[in-house]
Protein backbone atom coordinates (compact mmCIF):
# COMPACT_ATOMS: atom_id res chain seq x y z
CA MET A 1 0.11 -0.35 -0.28
CA ASP A 2 1.05 3.43 -0.76
CA SER A 3 2.10 6.32 1.93
CA ALA A 4 0.26 9.13 2.35
CA ASP A 5 2.98 11.10 0.84
CA LEU A 6 2.57 8.88 -2.04
CA TYR A 7 -1.05 8.98 -2.76
CA LEU A 8 -0.77 12.38 -2.51
CA VAL A 9 1.71 12.45 -5.31
CA LYS A 10 0.05 10.44 -7.21
CA GLN A 11 -3.26 12.06 -7.07
CA GLN A 12 -1.72 15.36 -7.91
CA PHE A 13 -0.27 13.95 -10.96
CA THR A 14 -3.44 12.11 -11.88
CA LEU A 15 -5.63 15.39 -11.78
CA GLY A 16 -3.10 17.64 -13.41
CA ALA A 17 -0.88 19.34 -11.01
CA TYR A 18 1.68 19.72 -12.68
CA LYS A 19 3.70 22.59 -11.08
CA SER A 20 2.27 21.37 -7.67
CA LEU A 21 4.64 18.31 -8.39
CA VAL A 22 7.82 19.46 -9.71
CA ASP A 23 7.93 22.33 -7.05
CA LEU A 24 7.97 19.20 -4.98
CA THR A 25 10.71 18.55 -2.43
CA LEU A 26 11.97 15.12 -2.92
CA PRO A 27 11.82 12.40 0.05
CA ASP A 28 15.44 11.45 1.42
CA ALA A 29 17.01 8.79 -0.92
CA ASP A 30 17.39 5.92 0.96
CA SER A 31 13.19 6.57 0.89
CA PRO A 32 10.78 3.81 -0.41
CA ASP A 33 8.85 6.71 -1.61
CA TYR A 34 12.01 8.28 -3.52
CA THR A 35 12.14 6.95 -7.21
CA PRO A 36 8.21 6.84 -7.41
CA THR A 37 8.28 10.69 -6.73
CA LEU A 38 11.34 10.97 -8.55
CA VAL A 39 9.37 9.52 -11.83
CA TYR A 40 6.39 11.22 -11.30
CA GLN A 41 8.32 14.91 -10.55
CA ALA A 42 10.13 14.05 -13.97
CA ARG A 43 6.89 13.02 -15.89
CA SER A 44 5.05 16.70 -15.13
CA HIS A 45 8.00 18.64 -16.28
CA LEU A 46 7.38 16.54 -19.54
CA ALA A 47 3.54 17.16 -19.33
CA LEU A 48 4.84 20.90 -18.90
CA ASP A 49 6.71 20.36 -22.06
CA LYS A 50 10.20 20.83 -20.28
CA PRO A 51 12.07 17.57 -21.12
CA SER A 52 15.65 19.33 -20.07
CA ALA A 53 14.14 19.96 -16.43
CA ALA A 54 13.14 16.40 -16.82
CA LEU A 55 16.53 15.03 -17.75
CA ALA A 56 18.40 17.29 -15.25
CA LEU A 57 16.62 16.16 -12.45
CA LEU A 58 17.29 12.33 -13.35
CA PRO A 59 20.94 10.70 -12.19
CA SER A 60 22.61 9.28 -15.31
CA ASP A 61 24.75 6.41 -13.77
CA THR A 62 20.98 4.86 -12.46
CA GLU A 63 20.11 1.18 -13.36
CA ASN A 64 16.38 1.46 -12.31
CA VAL A 65 14.13 1.10 -15.52
CA ALA A 66 11.83 3.33 -14.42
CA ILE A 67 14.03 5.71 -14.19
CA LYS A 68 15.58 4.62 -17.49
CA ALA A 69 12.71 4.98 -19.06
CA VAL A 70 11.35 8.23 -18.31
CA ALA A 71 15.02 9.48 -19.28
CA SER A 72 14.72 8.26 -22.40
CA LEU A 73 11.12 9.69 -23.22
CA ALA A 74 12.25 12.70 -22.48
CA ARG A 75 14.82 12.59 -24.91
CA PHE A 76 12.35 11.45 -27.57
CA VAL A 77 10.04 14.41 -26.61
CA ALA A 78 13.42 16.61 -26.69
CA ALA A 79 13.97 15.51 -30.37
CA GLU A 80 10.15 15.38 -31.12
CA GLY A 81 9.08 17.52 -33.89
CA ASP A 82 12.71 18.15 -35.11
CA ASP A 83 13.96 16.47 -38.45
CA ALA A 84 17.31 17.46 -37.71
CA LYS A 85 17.39 14.94 -34.14
CA GLU A 86 15.70 12.17 -36.58
CA ALA A 87 18.14 9.99 -35.02
CA ASP A 88 18.09 10.99 -31.20
CA ARG A 89 14.45 10.22 -31.60
CA ASP A 90 14.97 6.79 -33.50
CA ALA A 91 17.26 5.99 -30.44
CA ALA A 92 14.80 6.75 -27.45
CA LEU A 93 12.33 4.26 -29.07
CA GLU A 94 14.81 1.79 -29.24
CA GLU A 95 16.05 2.15 -25.39
CA LEU A 96 12.21 1.89 -24.78
CA ARG A 97 11.59 -1.28 -26.85
CA ASP A 98 15.06 -2.67 -25.06
CA LEU A 99 13.30 -2.24 -21.63
CA THR A 100 9.92 -3.13 -22.56
CA VAL A 101 12.05 -6.35 -23.11
CA GLU A 102 13.56 -6.57 -20.12
CA VAL A 103 10.64 -6.00 -18.00
CA GLU A 104 8.59 -9.25 -19.29
CA GLY A 105 8.39 -12.73 -18.49
CA ASP A 106 8.98 -14.65 -15.16
CA ASP A 107 12.97 -13.88 -14.56
CA ALA A 108 12.55 -10.39 -14.88
CA GLU A 109 14.15 -8.35 -12.15
CA ALA A 110 11.78 -5.37 -11.97
CA SER A 111 9.05 -4.81 -9.58
CA GLU A 112 5.60 -4.58 -10.49
CA TRP A 113 5.50 -1.00 -10.33
CA GLU A 114 8.49 -0.84 -11.96
CA ALA A 115 7.35 -2.98 -14.96
CA GLY A 116 3.93 -1.22 -15.18
CA THR A 117 6.16 2.17 -15.51
CA VAL A 118 8.06 1.61 -18.38
CA ARG A 119 5.19 -0.14 -20.60
CA VAL A 120 3.34 3.30 -20.27
CA LEU A 121 6.24 5.39 -21.17
CA ALA A 122 7.13 3.11 -23.95
CA GLY A 123 3.71 3.04 -24.86
CA THR A 124 3.37 7.30 -24.34
CA ALA A 125 6.60 7.48 -26.64
CA PHE A 126 4.77 5.02 -28.86
CA ALA A 127 1.48 6.33 -30.20
CA ARG A 128 3.61 9.83 -29.97
CA ALA A 129 5.21 8.73 -33.03
CA GLY A 130 2.21 7.22 -34.62
CA GLU A 131 2.97 3.81 -33.90
CA ILE A 132 -0.15 3.06 -32.30
CA GLU A 133 -0.21 -0.75 -33.03
CA GLU A 134 2.92 -1.37 -31.04
CA ALA A 135 1.46 1.08 -28.30
CA LEU A 136 -2.14 -0.62 -27.68
CA GLU A 137 0.08 -4.05 -27.68
CA THR A 138 3.19 -2.05 -25.10
CA LEU A 139 0.07 -1.07 -22.35
CA GLY A 140 -1.70 -4.32 -23.11
CA ALA A 141 -4.92 -3.32 -24.84
CA GLY A 142 -7.56 -5.79 -24.81
CA THR A 143 -5.64 -7.84 -21.96
CA ASP A 144 -6.94 -8.37 -18.33
CA THR A 145 -3.74 -5.85 -16.93
CA ARG A 146 -4.05 -4.56 -13.71
CA ASN A 147 -2.36 -1.52 -14.72
CA LEU A 148 -4.44 1.37 -14.53
CA GLU A 149 -2.47 4.42 -16.05
CA ALA A 150 -1.99 1.65 -18.81
CA VAL A 151 -5.84 1.35 -19.49
CA ALA A 152 -6.02 5.17 -19.07
CA TYR A 153 -3.48 6.10 -22.04
CA THR A 154 -4.99 2.75 -23.88
CA VAL A 155 -8.28 4.89 -23.52
CA GLN A 156 -6.80 8.04 -24.52
CA ILE A 157 -5.40 6.38 -27.81
CA TYR A 158 -8.88 4.83 -28.82
CA LEU A 159 -10.66 7.68 -28.37
CA SER A 160 -7.97 10.15 -30.57
CA ILE A 161 -8.63 7.51 -33.46
CA HIS A 162 -12.24 7.70 -32.84
CA ARG A 163 -12.79 4.07 -31.36
CA PRO A 164 -15.05 5.51 -27.94
CA ASP A 165 -16.71 1.99 -28.28
CA LEU A 166 -13.16 -0.25 -27.42
CA ALA A 167 -12.55 2.88 -25.05
CA ARG A 168 -15.52 2.13 -22.98
CA LYS A 169 -14.85 -1.51 -23.71
CA GLU A 170 -11.34 -0.83 -21.36
CA PHE A 171 -13.12 0.64 -19.10
CA GLU A 172 -15.50 -1.82 -18.43
CA ARG A 173 -12.98 -4.66 -17.72
CA ALA A 174 -11.25 -2.41 -15.44
CA LYS A 175 -14.29 -1.47 -13.62
CA ARG A 176 -14.41 -4.63 -12.10
CA TRP A 177 -11.37 -4.60 -10.29
CA ALA A 178 -10.48 -0.80 -9.94
CA GLU A 179 -13.76 -0.31 -7.81
CA ASP A 180 -14.14 3.72 -7.43
CA ASP A 181 -10.03 4.36 -8.24
CA LEU A 182 -9.88 8.03 -8.81
CA LEU A 183 -8.12 7.44 -11.96
CA LEU A 184 -10.88 5.31 -13.01
CA GLN A 185 -13.12 8.28 -12.57
CA ALA A 186 -10.63 10.86 -14.71
CA ILE A 187 -11.19 7.67 -17.51
CA GLU A 188 -14.79 7.63 -17.11
CA ALA A 189 -15.11 11.48 -17.71
CA ALA A 190 -12.57 11.40 -20.43
CA ILE A 191 -15.06 9.40 -22.63
CA GLY A 192 -17.97 11.06 -21.48
CA LEU A 193 -16.32 14.67 -22.64
CA ALA A 194 -15.44 12.64 -26.10
CA THR A 195 -18.82 11.11 -26.66
CA GLY A 196 -21.57 13.46 -25.17
CA ARG A 197 -23.25 10.66 -22.47
CA ASP A 198 -25.61 12.56 -20.33
CA ALA A 199 -25.34 15.82 -21.87
CA TYR A 200 -21.71 15.86 -20.65
CA ALA A 201 -23.06 15.41 -17.67
CA ASP A 202 -20.62 13.38 -15.62
CA ALA A 203 -17.28 14.80 -16.93
CA HIS A 204 -18.71 18.21 -15.66
CA ALA A 205 -19.66 16.60 -12.16
CA PHE A 206 -16.48 14.67 -12.14
CA TYR A 207 -14.04 18.17 -13.07
CA THR A 208 -16.46 20.03 -10.86
CA GLU A 209 -16.21 18.33 -7.66
CA GLN A 210 -12.05 17.75 -8.37
CA LEU A 211 -11.35 21.39 -8.45
CA ALA A 212 -13.43 22.04 -5.26
CA ASN A 213 -10.48 20.64 -3.54
CA PRO A 214 -8.88 23.27 -1.63
CA SER A 215 -5.33 22.16 -1.90
CA LEU A 216 -5.02 21.71 -5.46
CA THR A 217 -4.07 23.95 -7.99
CA SER A 218 -4.70 21.74 -11.39
CA PRO A 219 -5.35 24.69 -14.46
CA ARG A 220 -5.33 21.40 -16.68
CA LEU A 221 -8.74 20.55 -14.70
CA LEU A 222 -10.63 24.31 -15.04
CA THR A 223 -9.17 23.50 -19.19
CA ALA A 224 -11.05 20.29 -18.92
CA ARG A 225 -14.06 21.91 -17.39
CA GLY A 226 -14.32 24.44 -19.82
CA VAL A 227 -14.47 22.25 -22.59
CA ALA A 228 -17.38 20.45 -20.92
CA ARG A 229 -18.60 23.78 -20.51
CA LEU A 230 -18.12 24.93 -24.12
CA LEU A 231 -20.11 21.53 -25.35
CA ARG A 232 -22.59 21.98 -22.89
CA GLY A 233 -23.60 25.53 -24.48
CA GLU A 234 -22.74 27.31 -21.11
CA LEU A 235 -20.00 29.99 -22.97
CA GLY A 236 -19.86 32.39 -20.42
CA ALA A 237 -18.50 30.12 -17.88
CA ALA A 238 -16.67 28.28 -20.15
CA LYS A 239 -14.41 31.50 -20.96
CA SER A 240 -14.52 32.08 -17.26
CA ASP A 241 -12.67 28.52 -16.83
CA LEU A 242 -10.15 29.13 -19.82
CA GLU A 243 -9.09 32.20 -18.22
CA GLU A 244 -8.64 30.96 -14.93
CA ALA A 245 -6.85 28.40 -16.36
CA GLN A 246 -4.81 30.80 -18.45
CA ALA A 247 -4.00 32.64 -15.50
CA GLN A 248 -2.87 29.83 -13.36
CA MET A 249 -0.47 29.11 -16.34
CA GLY A 250 1.43 32.46 -15.88
CA GLY A 251 -0.23 34.14 -18.82
CA ARG A 252 0.80 31.82 -21.12
CA PRO A 253 -1.41 28.76 -22.44
CA ASP A 254 -0.96 25.10 -23.03
CA ALA A 255 -1.64 23.96 -26.67
CA GLU A 256 -5.17 22.46 -24.79
CA THR A 257 -6.36 25.90 -23.25
CA LEU A 258 -5.36 27.58 -26.38
CA GLY A 259 -7.10 25.19 -28.73
CA ALA A 260 -10.44 25.95 -26.40
CA GLN A 261 -9.76 29.83 -26.15
CA THR A 262 -9.68 29.41 -30.09
CA VAL A 263 -13.19 27.69 -30.34
CA ALA A 264 -14.69 29.53 -27.56
CA ALA A 265 -13.83 33.13 -29.68
CA GLY A 266 -15.66 31.90 -32.47
CA LEU A 267 -18.58 30.99 -30.89
CA GLY A 268 -21.28 33.41 -29.54
CA THR A 269 -21.06 36.91 -30.70
CA ALA A 270 -17.12 37.44 -30.09
CA LYS A 271 -15.53 39.22 -32.63
CA THR A 272 -13.71 36.97 -36.08
CA ALA A 273 -10.71 39.07 -35.28
CA ASP A 274 -10.63 37.50 -31.94
CA ALA A 275 -10.79 33.78 -33.30
CA GLU A 276 -8.55 34.74 -36.06
CA GLN A 277 -6.12 36.23 -33.57
CA LEU A 278 -5.82 32.68 -31.27
CA TYR A 279 -6.28 30.63 -34.35
CA SER A 280 -2.88 32.52 -35.17
CA GLN A 281 -1.14 32.02 -32.54
CA LEU A 282 -2.32 28.55 -31.73
CA SER A 283 -0.45 26.82 -35.30
CA GLY A 284 2.22 28.91 -34.99
CA GLU A 285 2.84 27.69 -31.61
CA HIS A 286 1.85 23.97 -31.70
CA PRO A 287 1.72 23.33 -35.66
CA GLY A 288 0.73 19.30 -34.83
CA PHE A 289 -2.57 20.44 -32.29
CA PRO A 290 -5.58 18.39 -34.08
CA LEU A 291 -7.55 21.23 -34.65
CA VAL A 292 -5.26 22.89 -36.59
CA ILE A 293 -4.02 19.64 -38.78
CA ASP A 294 -7.64 19.13 -39.57
CA LEU A 295 -8.48 22.78 -40.59
CA GLU A 296 -5.24 22.74 -42.73
CA GLN A 297 -6.25 19.25 -44.26
CA LYS A 298 -10.14 20.83 -44.92
CA ALA A 299 -8.64 23.84 -46.42
CA HIS A 300 -6.77 21.79 -48.90
CA LEU A 301 -9.42 19.68 -49.62
CA PHE A 302 -11.19 22.28 -50.35
CA ASP A 303 -8.79 24.21 -52.96
CA GLU A 304 -8.77 21.31 -54.21
CA LEU A 305 -12.12 20.59 -55.10
CA ALA A 306 -12.54 24.53 -55.81
CA ALA A 307 -10.28 23.96 -58.46
CA ARG A 308 -12.12 21.53 -60.21
CA PHE A 309 -15.08 24.12 -60.54
CA ALA A 310 -13.03 26.75 -61.80
CA VAL A 311 -15.46 28.49 -64.55
CA PRO A 312 -13.58 29.74 -67.36
CA LEU A 313 -13.04 33.26 -68.23
CA ALA A 314 -15.19 34.34 -70.91
CA VAL A 315 -13.43 35.11 -74.52
CA HIS A 316 -14.63 37.94 -76.58
CA ALA A 317 -14.67 38.32 -80.22
């Protein structure tokens, strides 16, 4: 069973309170909480898009497979999106593949938590690299895995490829053993947000309940509730959540918050110029964001179709 301190660390990570975790003082190196806390802290740096900070935190001479895995993921993230660093990116993926092999089998020396962490971190990198099938296999999709974090990432992958039916199957399978775990509730909220089940009521209620915790500061939760409110047609309340999330991020919204703000600006009586300005910022800072890619693909398709129906200029005698 986890200590009270480690339980709090996991809770904060699950709810996206990454800033609180990176500011946390690590326990003593001889504490059983040291390695898990170190890994969650490094992962929080990665969630804040600061791979160099994650690498600076991690010891380079470790034999712990979980620490090795988060370091490899950090190197992958650092090289992601840079064609000049393709070799570094591929090397990091190979390191993660080797680590997943190392933790398999009955003779593996890794603990259950360490092995599960390696699979989650490797699956995350594979998914980000576009290796969806490899990611799902690594995470144990469709199996009776008891790794709830792996289930959560599997669900996110299925939702990202528009397979909410498979996402719900993973959730229902996990419900048999995870009972009322906080992460299980977060998984259900994510599925509800993606599918619109019960008019987004469950997702909205979950985010609102967690935000009521006075000891928690999570702009990610505010953004999630803002999105739920957008989908429920509560534009004013949604904008308020998104503005507060941006403020908690020091005035620089992350991709998800900026994307939601862009959508919100295009609704209601907002000025078109505001939406265009926000979209320009989103596409410039986050060119790989799904909304940006989708709109660019549709614009290209429109141009192709329009060219087929171009009316020839009349020729006058």
